[in-house]
């Protein structure tokens, strides 16, 4: 009976220690099928683009992408990997909006320069100085030769 009491005491002590140990934070970082920074749902399988976190639409099965602790004080309540801080410190965008070809920051800091560290224009883009502030240093090739000037040099109409 002393052995049983000793085993019971050890098991109870172990259970108390396991409950009191701080749990490692769950890593929700993932990369989406489109090679974008994403948020891994608690199911460990579903990876949603960063910009779908705190968008008032539950994309994870259990709604963890819309929880108050995550969305309560944007962008401060978000994990750092979900946020890109623009050159203007009052602005931020979701990490998957960096290097997406669009001027999401309003000053092109999410598309150009050392902060963004974007690769040169991809095959779907034409490199030029855009006329519209919607783009920064590349315009979509689908806009080439469409009869509308998108590049200052008109290269989207004559060369692209």
Protein backbone atom coordinates (compact mmCIF):
# COMPACT_ATOMS: atom_id res chain seq x y z
CA UNK A 1 0.00 0.00 0.00
CA UNK A 2 2.96 2.34 0.56
CA UNK A 3 4.05 1.73 -3.04
CA UNK A 4 0.58 2.56 -4.35
CA UNK A 5 0.52 5.72 -2.22
CA UNK A 6 3.95 6.72 -3.53
CA UNK A 7 2.89 6.15 -7.17
CA UNK A 8 -0.34 8.09 -6.61
CA UNK A 9 1.55 11.00 -5.02
CA UNK A 10 4.07 11.06 -7.89
CA UNK A 11 1.30 10.99 -10.52
CA UNK A 12 -0.58 13.80 -8.77
CA UNK A 13 2.61 15.86 -8.51
CA UNK A 14 3.37 15.33 -12.18
CA UNK A 15 -0.16 16.35 -13.17
CA UNK A 16 0.12 19.56 -11.12
CA UNK A 17 3.50 20.39 -12.68
CA UNK A 18 2.19 19.80 -16.21
CA UNK A 19 -0.82 22.05 -15.61
CA UNK A 20 1.31 24.83 -14.12
CA UNK A 21 4.01 24.78 -16.78
CA UNK A 22 3.62 27.65 -19.23
CA UNK A 23 2.54 26.39 -22.57
CA UNK A 24 4.59 27.31 -25.60
CA UNK A 25 2.76 29.80 -27.77
CA UNK A 26 1.21 28.27 -30.85
CA UNK A 27 3.04 29.27 -34.01
CA UNK A 28 0.44 30.36 -36.54
CA UNK A 29 2.92 31.27 -39.31
CA UNK A 30 2.46 29.52 -42.65
CA UNK A 31 2.96 30.14 -46.36
CA UNK A 32 -0.11 29.98 -48.59
CA UNK A 33 -0.33 28.06 -51.85
CA UNK A 34 0.37 31.38 -53.63
CA UNK A 35 3.61 31.74 -51.66
CA UNK A 36 2.18 34.51 -49.45
CA UNK A 37 2.59 35.02 -45.72
CA UNK A 38 -0.34 33.33 -44.03
CA UNK A 39 -2.04 32.49 -40.74
CA UNK A 40 -2.25 28.82 -39.77
CA UNK A 41 -5.60 27.88 -38.26
CA UNK A 42 -5.74 25.72 -35.13
CA UNK A 43 -6.50 22.65 -37.25
CA UNK A 44 -2.83 22.77 -38.30
CA UNK A 45 -3.78 22.42 -41.98
CA UNK A 46 -5.73 25.50 -43.13
CA UNK A 47 -3.45 28.41 -44.10
CA UNK A 48 -5.24 31.67 -44.91
CA UNK A 49 -3.61 34.80 -46.40
CA UNK A 50 -2.59 37.35 -43.78
CA UNK A 51 -5.11 39.89 -45.10
CA UNK A 52 -7.97 37.52 -44.27
CA UNK A 53 -7.18 37.75 -40.55
CA UNK A 54 -9.46 40.17 -38.68
CA UNK A 55 -11.56 40.91 -41.77
CA UNK A 56 -14.83 40.11 -39.95
CA UNK A 57 -15.18 36.85 -41.91
CA UNK A 58 -14.33 33.65 -40.10
CA UNK A 59 -12.00 31.70 -42.38
CA UNK A 60 -10.80 29.18 -39.79
CA UNK A 61 -13.16 26.41 -38.71
CA UNK A 62 -13.17 27.58 -35.08
CA UNK A 63 -13.03 31.31 -35.89
CA UNK A 64 -9.60 31.84 -34.35
CA UNK A 65 -8.72 34.30 -37.15
CA UNK A 66 -11.39 36.69 -35.79
CA UNK A 67 -10.84 36.35 -32.02
CA UNK A 68 -10.74 39.48 -29.87
CA UNK A 69 -7.24 38.75 -28.56
CA UNK A 70 -5.98 38.76 -32.15
CA UNK A 71 -8.12 41.57 -33.54
CA UNK A 72 -8.70 43.79 -30.51
CA UNK A 73 -6.00 46.41 -31.13
CA UNK A 74 -4.86 46.31 -34.76
CA UNK A 75 -2.05 46.11 -35.70
CA UNK A 76 -0.54 45.78 -32.20
CA UNK A 77 -2.54 42.66 -31.30
CA UNK A 78 -1.42 40.81 -34.45
CA UNK A 79 1.68 38.61 -34.53
CA UNK A 80 4.53 40.54 -36.15
CA UNK A 81 4.75 38.21 -39.15
CA UNK A 82 1.26 39.31 -40.28
CA UNK A 83 2.14 43.03 -40.40
CA UNK A 84 4.22 45.18 -42.76
CA UNK A 85 4.94 48.69 -41.48
CA UNK A 86 4.96 51.31 -44.22
CA UNK A 87 7.64 54.01 -44.42
CA UNK A 88 5.08 56.41 -42.94
CA UNK A 89 4.88 55.02 -39.39
CA UNK A 90 1.17 55.76 -39.08
CA UNK A 91 0.34 53.23 -41.83
CA UNK A 92 0.59 49.46 -42.02
CA UNK A 93 -0.65 46.72 -44.32
CA UNK A 94 -0.95 42.97 -44.01
CA UNK A 95 2.26 41.11 -44.85
CA UNK A 96 0.73 39.46 -47.92
CA UNK A 97 0.14 42.93 -49.42
CA UNK A 98 3.89 43.59 -49.52
CA UNK A 99 5.31 43.03 -53.03
CA UNK A 100 1.88 42.34 -54.56
CA UNK A 101 2.32 44.99 -57.26
CA UNK A 102 -0.18 47.43 -55.76
CA UNK A 103 0.56 50.61 -53.84
CA UNK A 104 -1.14 49.54 -50.60
CA UNK A 105 0.88 51.89 -48.33
CA UNK A 106 0.13 54.93 -50.48
CA UNK A 107 3.83 55.83 -50.73
CA UNK A 108 5.03 52.66 -52.54
CA UNK A 109 7.09 51.60 -49.50
CA UNK A 110 5.37 48.19 -49.66
CA UNK A 111 6.61 47.70 -53.23
CA UNK A 112 9.95 49.51 -53.49
CA UNK A 113 13.06 50.14 -51.43
CA UNK A 114 14.86 48.33 -48.66
CA UNK A 115 11.82 47.98 -46.38
CA UNK A 116 9.88 45.94 -48.91
CA UNK A 117 12.82 44.06 -50.47
CA UNK A 118 10.71 43.02 -53.46
CA UNK A 119 12.03 41.07 -56.41
CA UNK A 120 12.05 42.82 -59.80
CA UNK A 121 8.86 42.76 -61.84
CA UNK A 122 7.76 39.21 -62.55
CA UNK A 123 6.71 37.84 -65.92
CA UNK A 124 3.13 39.05 -65.39
CA UNK A 125 4.34 42.65 -64.94
CA UNK A 126 5.97 45.37 -67.08
CA UNK A 127 8.67 47.52 -65.49
CA UNK A 128 8.17 51.28 -65.90
CA UNK A 129 7.30 54.47 -64.04
CA UNK A 130 3.52 54.27 -63.81
CA UNK A 131 1.22 57.20 -64.49
CA UNK A 132 -1.33 56.09 -61.91
CA UNK A 133 -0.38 55.93 -58.25
CA UNK A 134 -2.10 52.55 -58.00
CA UNK A 135 1.15 50.92 -59.17
CA UNK A 136 4.73 51.69 -58.13
CA UNK A 137 7.38 50.38 -60.52
CA UNK A 138 5.53 47.72 -62.50
CA UNK A 139 2.17 47.56 -64.24
CA UNK A 140 0.28 44.37 -65.05
CA UNK A 141 1.08 43.09 -68.55
CA UNK A 142 -2.67 42.68 -69.13
CA UNK A 143 -2.74 46.49 -69.41
CA UNK A 144 -0.16 46.51 -72.22
CA UNK A 145 -1.38 47.72 -75.61
CA UNK A 146 -4.86 48.43 -74.31
CA UNK A 147 -4.95 51.97 -75.72
CA UNK A 148 -4.51 53.60 -72.30
CA UNK A 149 -1.24 55.13 -71.07
CA UNK A 150 -0.13 53.41 -67.84
CA UNK A 151 3.62 54.22 -68.07
CA UNK A 152 5.07 57.74 -68.25
CA UNK A 153 7.15 56.66 -71.25
CA UNK A 154 4.18 55.08 -73.04
CA UNK A 155 6.25 51.85 -73.10
CA UNK A 156 3.16 49.87 -72.09
CA UNK A 157 1.61 50.82 -75.44
CA UNK A 158 4.61 50.67 -77.79
CA UNK A 159 7.18 48.21 -76.39
CA UNK A 160 5.47 45.93 -73.91
